[in-house]
N, C-alpha and C. Protein backbone atom coordinates (compact mmCIF):
# COMPACT_ATOMS: atom_id res chain seq x y z
N MET A 1 -22.44 97.82 132.35
CA MET A 1 -22.68 96.54 131.76
C MET A 1 -22.32 95.47 132.80
N SER A 2 -23.13 94.50 132.93
CA SER A 2 -22.91 93.49 133.94
C SER A 2 -21.81 92.52 133.48
N THR A 3 -21.21 91.89 134.45
CA THR A 3 -20.11 90.92 134.15
C THR A 3 -20.68 89.72 133.35
N GLN A 4 -21.91 89.34 133.65
CA GLN A 4 -22.50 88.22 132.96
C GLN A 4 -22.70 88.58 131.46
N ARG A 5 -23.13 89.76 131.17
CA ARG A 5 -23.30 90.18 129.78
C ARG A 5 -21.98 90.29 129.05
N ARG A 6 -20.92 90.78 129.72
CA ARG A 6 -19.61 90.83 129.10
C ARG A 6 -19.09 89.46 128.76
N VAL A 7 -19.26 88.48 129.65
CA VAL A 7 -18.89 87.12 129.36
C VAL A 7 -19.63 86.55 128.17
N PHE A 8 -20.90 86.85 128.13
CA PHE A 8 -21.75 86.37 127.05
C PHE A 8 -21.25 86.95 125.70
N LEU A 9 -21.02 88.27 125.65
CA LEU A 9 -20.51 88.90 124.45
C LEU A 9 -19.15 88.36 124.05
N TYR A 10 -18.26 88.17 125.03
CA TYR A 10 -16.97 87.58 124.74
C TYR A 10 -17.08 86.22 124.11
N LEU A 11 -17.91 85.35 124.68
CA LEU A 11 -18.08 84.01 124.20
C LEU A 11 -18.74 84.03 122.80
N ALA A 12 -19.64 84.94 122.56
CA ALA A 12 -20.28 85.02 121.24
C ALA A 12 -19.25 85.46 120.19
N CYS A 13 -18.38 86.39 120.51
CA CYS A 13 -17.33 86.82 119.59
C CYS A 13 -16.33 85.68 119.33
N MET A 14 -15.98 85.01 120.31
CA MET A 14 -15.03 83.84 120.15
C MET A 14 -15.69 82.80 119.24
N LEU A 15 -16.93 82.53 119.45
CA LEU A 15 -17.63 81.53 118.66
C LEU A 15 -17.70 81.94 117.21
N GLU A 16 -17.93 83.25 116.93
CA GLU A 16 -17.96 83.73 115.55
C GLU A 16 -16.55 83.62 114.93
N LEU A 17 -15.53 83.93 115.65
CA LEU A 17 -14.15 83.84 115.14
C LEU A 17 -13.80 82.36 114.81
N CYS A 18 -14.18 81.47 115.70
CA CYS A 18 -13.93 80.05 115.42
C CYS A 18 -14.70 79.54 114.19
N ALA A 19 -15.94 80.03 114.03
CA ALA A 19 -16.73 79.63 112.88
C ALA A 19 -16.08 80.15 111.59
N ALA A 20 -15.63 81.39 111.62
CA ALA A 20 -14.98 81.98 110.43
C ALA A 20 -13.70 81.21 110.08
N ALA A 21 -12.91 80.88 111.11
CA ALA A 21 -11.64 80.13 110.92
C ALA A 21 -11.96 78.75 110.30
N LEU A 22 -12.98 78.11 110.78
CA LEU A 22 -13.41 76.80 110.29
C LEU A 22 -13.82 76.91 108.81
N CYS A 23 -14.58 77.91 108.50
CA CYS A 23 -14.99 78.09 107.09
C CYS A 23 -13.78 78.33 106.15
N LEU A 24 -12.81 79.12 106.60
CA LEU A 24 -11.63 79.33 105.76
C LEU A 24 -10.82 78.04 105.57
N PHE A 25 -10.73 77.27 106.63
CA PHE A 25 -10.02 76.00 106.60
C PHE A 25 -10.71 75.05 105.61
N LEU A 26 -12.04 74.94 105.66
CA LEU A 26 -12.80 74.08 104.81
C LEU A 26 -12.68 74.50 103.34
N VAL A 27 -12.66 75.80 103.08
CA VAL A 27 -12.50 76.27 101.68
C VAL A 27 -11.15 75.92 101.15
N ALA A 28 -10.09 76.10 101.97
CA ALA A 28 -8.74 75.73 101.52
C ALA A 28 -8.63 74.24 101.32
N LEU A 29 -9.20 73.45 102.20
CA LEU A 29 -9.18 71.98 102.05
C LEU A 29 -9.94 71.53 100.80
N SER A 30 -11.04 72.18 100.53
CA SER A 30 -11.80 71.86 99.34
C SER A 30 -11.05 72.15 98.10
N ALA A 31 -10.33 73.26 98.03
CA ALA A 31 -9.53 73.64 96.83
C ALA A 31 -8.44 72.62 96.61
N GLN A 32 -7.79 72.17 97.72
CA GLN A 32 -6.73 71.17 97.56
C GLN A 32 -7.31 69.82 97.08
N ALA A 33 -8.46 69.48 97.59
CA ALA A 33 -9.05 68.20 97.26
C ALA A 33 -9.47 68.18 95.78
N GLN A 34 -9.79 69.32 95.20
CA GLN A 34 -10.24 69.37 93.86
C GLN A 34 -9.13 69.29 92.82
N SER A 35 -7.94 69.59 93.20
CA SER A 35 -6.83 69.51 92.18
C SER A 35 -6.55 68.02 91.90
N GLN A 36 -6.19 67.74 90.69
CA GLN A 36 -6.05 66.36 90.26
C GLN A 36 -4.72 66.20 89.53
N THR A 37 -4.17 64.98 89.61
CA THR A 37 -2.96 64.66 88.80
C THR A 37 -3.43 63.87 87.57
N ARG A 38 -2.96 64.29 86.44
CA ARG A 38 -3.23 63.66 85.15
C ARG A 38 -1.92 63.09 84.60
N PHE A 39 -2.02 62.05 83.80
CA PHE A 39 -0.81 61.39 83.30
C PHE A 39 -0.88 61.31 81.79
N VAL A 40 0.33 61.45 81.19
CA VAL A 40 0.45 61.41 79.73
C VAL A 40 1.59 60.43 79.36
N ALA A 41 1.32 59.61 78.39
CA ALA A 41 2.32 58.69 77.87
C ALA A 41 1.99 58.35 76.42
N PRO A 42 3.02 58.11 75.58
CA PRO A 42 2.77 57.76 74.21
C PRO A 42 1.76 56.60 74.12
N GLY A 43 0.80 56.74 73.23
CA GLY A 43 -0.20 55.68 73.08
C GLY A 43 -1.16 55.58 74.30
N ALA A 44 -1.14 56.55 75.11
CA ALA A 44 -1.97 56.57 76.36
C ALA A 44 -1.77 55.26 77.18
N GLU A 45 -0.53 54.82 77.23
CA GLU A 45 -0.20 53.62 78.00
C GLU A 45 0.49 54.05 79.28
N CYS A 46 -0.29 54.37 80.31
CA CYS A 46 0.22 54.89 81.56
C CYS A 46 0.34 53.90 82.66
N GLY A 47 0.29 52.62 82.38
CA GLY A 47 0.29 51.60 83.40
C GLY A 47 -1.02 51.69 84.20
N ASP A 48 -0.91 51.72 85.50
CA ASP A 48 -2.12 51.79 86.34
C ASP A 48 -2.60 53.18 86.61
N ALA A 49 -1.84 54.16 86.15
CA ALA A 49 -2.21 55.58 86.41
C ALA A 49 -3.41 56.03 85.57
N SER A 50 -4.26 56.82 86.21
CA SER A 50 -5.46 57.32 85.58
C SER A 50 -5.83 58.65 86.17
N PRO A 51 -6.38 59.56 85.38
CA PRO A 51 -6.70 59.49 83.97
C PRO A 51 -5.40 59.62 83.12
N CYS A 52 -5.46 58.88 81.97
CA CYS A 52 -4.24 58.82 81.13
C CYS A 52 -4.59 59.38 79.76
N TYR A 53 -3.66 60.13 79.18
CA TYR A 53 -3.86 60.73 77.87
C TYR A 53 -2.66 60.39 76.95
N ALA A 54 -2.86 60.48 75.66
CA ALA A 54 -1.82 60.26 74.70
C ALA A 54 -1.05 61.47 74.33
N THR A 55 -1.67 62.64 74.54
CA THR A 55 -0.97 63.93 74.26
C THR A 55 -1.06 64.84 75.47
N ILE A 56 -0.06 65.71 75.56
CA ILE A 56 -0.02 66.67 76.66
C ILE A 56 -1.20 67.62 76.48
N GLN A 57 -1.53 67.99 75.26
CA GLN A 57 -2.61 68.94 75.01
C GLN A 57 -3.95 68.35 75.48
N ALA A 58 -4.20 67.07 75.28
CA ALA A 58 -5.41 66.44 75.71
C ALA A 58 -5.54 66.53 77.23
N ALA A 59 -4.41 66.33 77.95
CA ALA A 59 -4.41 66.40 79.42
C ALA A 59 -4.69 67.88 79.85
N VAL A 60 -4.09 68.82 79.17
CA VAL A 60 -4.32 70.24 79.51
C VAL A 60 -5.76 70.60 79.27
N ASP A 61 -6.33 70.17 78.12
CA ASP A 61 -7.73 70.45 77.81
C ASP A 61 -8.68 69.90 78.91
N ALA A 62 -8.36 68.76 79.42
CA ALA A 62 -9.20 68.14 80.47
C ALA A 62 -8.93 68.71 81.87
N ALA A 63 -7.80 69.37 82.05
CA ALA A 63 -7.40 69.86 83.35
C ALA A 63 -8.16 71.10 83.79
N ALA A 64 -8.08 71.34 85.11
CA ALA A 64 -8.60 72.56 85.69
C ALA A 64 -7.41 73.29 86.32
N ASP A 65 -7.57 74.60 86.58
CA ASP A 65 -6.56 75.34 87.25
C ASP A 65 -6.10 74.63 88.49
N GLY A 66 -4.77 74.53 88.72
CA GLY A 66 -4.23 73.87 89.89
C GLY A 66 -3.90 72.42 89.70
N ASP A 67 -4.29 71.81 88.58
CA ASP A 67 -3.97 70.43 88.31
C ASP A 67 -2.48 70.20 88.01
N THR A 68 -2.02 68.99 88.19
CA THR A 68 -0.68 68.61 87.91
C THR A 68 -0.72 67.60 86.75
N ILE A 69 0.17 67.77 85.77
CA ILE A 69 0.25 66.86 84.66
C ILE A 69 1.65 66.25 84.62
N LYS A 70 1.69 64.91 84.77
CA LYS A 70 2.98 64.22 84.73
C LYS A 70 3.12 63.52 83.36
N VAL A 71 4.27 63.75 82.68
CA VAL A 71 4.44 63.31 81.35
C VAL A 71 5.61 62.30 81.22
N ALA A 72 5.32 61.18 80.64
CA ALA A 72 6.29 60.14 80.46
C ALA A 72 7.29 60.55 79.35
N ARG A 73 8.44 59.86 79.34
CA ARG A 73 9.46 60.10 78.33
C ARG A 73 8.84 59.86 76.95
N GLY A 74 9.38 60.55 75.94
CA GLY A 74 8.85 60.40 74.60
C GLY A 74 8.95 61.73 73.88
N ILE A 75 8.59 61.67 72.59
CA ILE A 75 8.57 62.89 71.77
C ILE A 75 7.13 63.24 71.45
N TYR A 76 6.72 64.42 71.81
CA TYR A 76 5.33 64.85 71.64
C TYR A 76 5.25 65.95 70.62
N THR A 77 4.45 65.80 69.56
CA THR A 77 4.31 66.76 68.49
C THR A 77 2.85 66.94 68.20
N SER A 78 2.54 67.75 67.21
CA SER A 78 1.16 68.06 66.87
C SER A 78 1.09 68.61 65.46
N SER A 79 -0.07 68.54 64.86
CA SER A 79 -0.30 69.19 63.55
C SER A 79 -0.93 70.57 63.75
N ALA A 80 -1.22 70.93 64.98
CA ALA A 80 -1.84 72.26 65.27
C ALA A 80 -0.82 73.37 65.14
N LEU A 81 -1.22 74.57 65.37
CA LEU A 81 -0.35 75.77 65.31
C LEU A 81 0.74 75.68 66.32
N GLN A 82 0.48 75.08 67.47
CA GLN A 82 1.48 74.86 68.51
C GLN A 82 1.28 73.47 69.08
N VAL A 83 2.38 72.85 69.53
CA VAL A 83 2.27 71.51 70.14
C VAL A 83 1.52 71.63 71.46
N LEU A 84 1.79 72.71 72.20
CA LEU A 84 1.16 72.82 73.48
C LEU A 84 0.66 74.24 73.68
N TYR A 85 -0.66 74.36 73.81
CA TYR A 85 -1.35 75.66 74.10
C TYR A 85 -1.79 75.67 75.54
N LEU A 86 -1.24 76.58 76.33
CA LEU A 86 -1.58 76.64 77.77
C LEU A 86 -2.44 77.84 78.07
N ASN A 87 -3.61 77.59 78.56
CA ASN A 87 -4.52 78.65 78.97
C ASN A 87 -5.13 78.39 80.38
N LYS A 88 -4.39 77.54 81.12
CA LYS A 88 -4.79 77.22 82.48
C LYS A 88 -3.60 77.20 83.41
N ALA A 89 -3.82 77.47 84.68
CA ALA A 89 -2.71 77.48 85.65
C ALA A 89 -2.43 76.05 86.07
N VAL A 90 -1.65 75.34 85.33
CA VAL A 90 -1.27 73.95 85.60
C VAL A 90 0.22 73.81 85.81
N SER A 91 0.60 72.70 86.35
CA SER A 91 2.00 72.33 86.52
C SER A 91 2.26 71.10 85.69
N ILE A 92 3.24 71.19 84.77
CA ILE A 92 3.57 70.05 83.86
C ILE A 92 4.99 69.67 84.10
N THR A 93 5.18 68.40 84.44
CA THR A 93 6.55 67.83 84.74
C THR A 93 6.79 66.64 83.82
N GLY A 94 7.94 66.61 83.20
CA GLY A 94 8.30 65.48 82.38
C GLY A 94 9.35 64.63 83.04
N GLY A 95 9.77 63.60 82.35
CA GLY A 95 10.87 62.71 82.83
C GLY A 95 10.41 61.49 83.55
N TYR A 96 9.19 61.08 83.35
CA TYR A 96 8.67 59.89 84.02
C TYR A 96 8.68 58.70 83.06
N VAL A 97 8.52 57.52 83.67
CA VAL A 97 8.26 56.29 82.92
C VAL A 97 6.91 55.75 83.40
N PRO A 98 6.16 55.09 82.52
CA PRO A 98 4.81 54.69 82.92
C PRO A 98 4.69 53.74 84.12
N ASN A 99 5.79 53.11 84.50
CA ASN A 99 5.68 52.20 85.69
C ASN A 99 6.23 52.90 86.92
N ASP A 100 6.61 54.19 86.86
CA ASP A 100 7.10 54.97 88.01
C ASP A 100 6.73 56.46 87.87
N TRP A 101 5.57 56.78 88.39
CA TRP A 101 5.08 58.21 88.31
C TRP A 101 5.50 58.99 89.53
N THR A 102 6.30 58.40 90.35
CA THR A 102 6.78 59.10 91.55
C THR A 102 8.08 59.86 91.36
N ASN A 103 8.97 59.25 90.60
CA ASN A 103 10.34 59.82 90.41
C ASN A 103 10.55 60.35 88.98
N SER A 104 10.83 61.62 88.87
CA SER A 104 11.12 62.22 87.55
C SER A 104 12.62 62.21 87.30
N HIS A 105 13.03 61.72 86.13
CA HIS A 105 14.47 61.71 85.74
C HIS A 105 14.58 62.33 84.36
N PRO A 106 14.46 63.66 84.23
CA PRO A 106 14.39 64.29 82.93
C PRO A 106 15.68 64.16 82.12
N LEU A 107 16.83 63.89 82.76
CA LEU A 107 18.07 63.78 81.98
C LEU A 107 18.18 62.38 81.29
N THR A 108 17.68 61.38 81.97
CA THR A 108 17.72 60.03 81.36
C THR A 108 16.41 59.55 80.74
N GLN A 109 15.30 60.15 81.15
CA GLN A 109 13.99 59.81 80.61
C GLN A 109 13.44 61.08 79.94
N THR A 110 13.99 61.46 78.85
CA THR A 110 13.75 62.72 78.21
C THR A 110 12.32 62.88 77.66
N THR A 111 11.70 63.96 78.00
CA THR A 111 10.36 64.31 77.51
C THR A 111 10.56 65.50 76.59
N VAL A 112 10.23 65.35 75.33
CA VAL A 112 10.47 66.36 74.30
C VAL A 112 9.16 66.90 73.72
N ILE A 113 9.01 68.23 73.72
CA ILE A 113 7.95 68.86 72.96
C ILE A 113 8.59 69.34 71.71
N ASP A 114 8.22 68.73 70.58
CA ASP A 114 8.91 68.94 69.29
C ASP A 114 8.04 69.68 68.29
N ALA A 115 8.47 70.88 67.93
CA ALA A 115 7.77 71.67 66.92
C ALA A 115 8.13 71.22 65.49
N GLU A 116 8.88 70.18 65.36
CA GLU A 116 9.30 69.62 64.11
C GLU A 116 9.98 70.62 63.16
N ASN A 117 11.04 71.18 63.71
CA ASN A 117 11.85 72.14 62.96
C ASN A 117 11.09 73.40 62.54
N GLY A 118 10.15 73.78 63.40
CA GLY A 118 9.44 75.04 63.15
C GLY A 118 8.51 75.02 61.96
N LEU A 119 7.95 73.87 61.61
CA LEU A 119 7.07 73.76 60.44
C LEU A 119 5.80 74.60 60.68
N ARG A 120 6.00 75.90 60.78
CA ARG A 120 4.92 76.82 61.10
C ARG A 120 4.21 76.46 62.39
N ARG A 121 4.99 75.95 63.35
CA ARG A 121 4.44 75.60 64.64
C ARG A 121 5.32 76.20 65.76
N ARG A 122 4.68 76.37 66.89
CA ARG A 122 5.39 76.71 68.07
C ARG A 122 5.49 75.47 68.96
N GLY A 123 6.48 75.38 69.79
CA GLY A 123 6.54 74.27 70.74
C GLY A 123 5.53 74.46 71.83
N VAL A 124 5.60 75.64 72.49
CA VAL A 124 4.70 75.95 73.59
C VAL A 124 4.21 77.38 73.47
N TYR A 125 2.92 77.54 73.63
CA TYR A 125 2.34 78.94 73.67
C TYR A 125 1.57 79.09 74.92
N ILE A 126 1.93 80.07 75.76
CA ILE A 126 1.23 80.33 77.00
C ILE A 126 0.40 81.58 76.77
N ASP A 127 -0.90 81.45 76.88
CA ASP A 127 -1.85 82.56 76.68
C ASP A 127 -1.91 83.38 77.99
N GLY A 128 -1.15 84.42 78.04
CA GLY A 128 -1.07 85.28 79.20
C GLY A 128 -2.33 86.00 79.53
N THR A 129 -3.25 86.12 78.58
CA THR A 129 -4.56 86.75 78.88
C THR A 129 -5.46 85.82 79.59
N GLN A 130 -5.17 84.53 79.60
CA GLN A 130 -6.06 83.52 80.23
C GLN A 130 -5.50 82.99 81.56
N VAL A 131 -4.18 83.00 81.71
CA VAL A 131 -3.57 82.35 82.84
C VAL A 131 -2.46 83.23 83.42
N SER A 132 -2.33 83.23 84.75
CA SER A 132 -1.28 84.07 85.34
C SER A 132 -0.05 83.28 85.70
N SER A 133 -0.13 81.98 85.88
CA SER A 133 1.04 81.19 86.24
C SER A 133 0.97 79.78 85.66
N VAL A 134 2.09 79.34 85.15
CA VAL A 134 2.27 77.97 84.63
C VAL A 134 3.60 77.46 85.10
N THR A 135 3.71 76.17 85.42
CA THR A 135 4.95 75.61 85.79
C THR A 135 5.30 74.53 84.80
N LEU A 136 6.48 74.60 84.23
CA LEU A 136 7.04 73.63 83.29
C LEU A 136 8.33 73.15 83.85
N ASP A 137 8.48 71.87 84.02
CA ASP A 137 9.70 71.31 84.62
C ASP A 137 10.03 69.98 83.97
N GLY A 138 11.32 69.77 83.68
CA GLY A 138 11.73 68.47 83.15
C GLY A 138 11.33 68.23 81.69
N LEU A 139 11.10 69.30 80.97
CA LEU A 139 10.68 69.17 79.55
C LEU A 139 11.73 69.80 78.67
N ARG A 140 11.93 69.24 77.51
CA ARG A 140 12.83 69.82 76.52
C ARG A 140 11.91 70.29 75.35
N VAL A 141 11.94 71.61 75.05
CA VAL A 141 11.18 72.15 73.97
C VAL A 141 12.14 72.44 72.85
N GLN A 142 11.87 71.90 71.67
CA GLN A 142 12.74 72.08 70.55
C GLN A 142 11.97 72.46 69.29
N GLN A 143 12.60 73.39 68.51
CA GLN A 143 12.07 73.75 67.23
C GLN A 143 12.30 72.64 66.28
């Protein structure tokens, strides 16, 4: 095999590897760009933050896998079988105030998921057949 042909094959292989690496990078970048942060506050009053929801469940229903849901202080309840039904891989963090969605303070800005003394309700139900991971942080779940 001639030296010129070897150089050509080497360059062709390197070009294919670079193209494959670029494709993987673009796929990863696209997945990150698609995740969205959603906001929840009583009365859907989230200040300038958008999209804003009045209930955590409404934000979960609108979310896609990988989304983040930030929840303002308050007490969240429901008349459904559970206050929060999770069937998506989302991250939910409480302890915010509607004019500061950057800093979570769950001890002083309490976010409560309240099953109202177990009135035939669950506070949170995670459907393990639908989702493999969920992150809950800064939330108080009470019967």
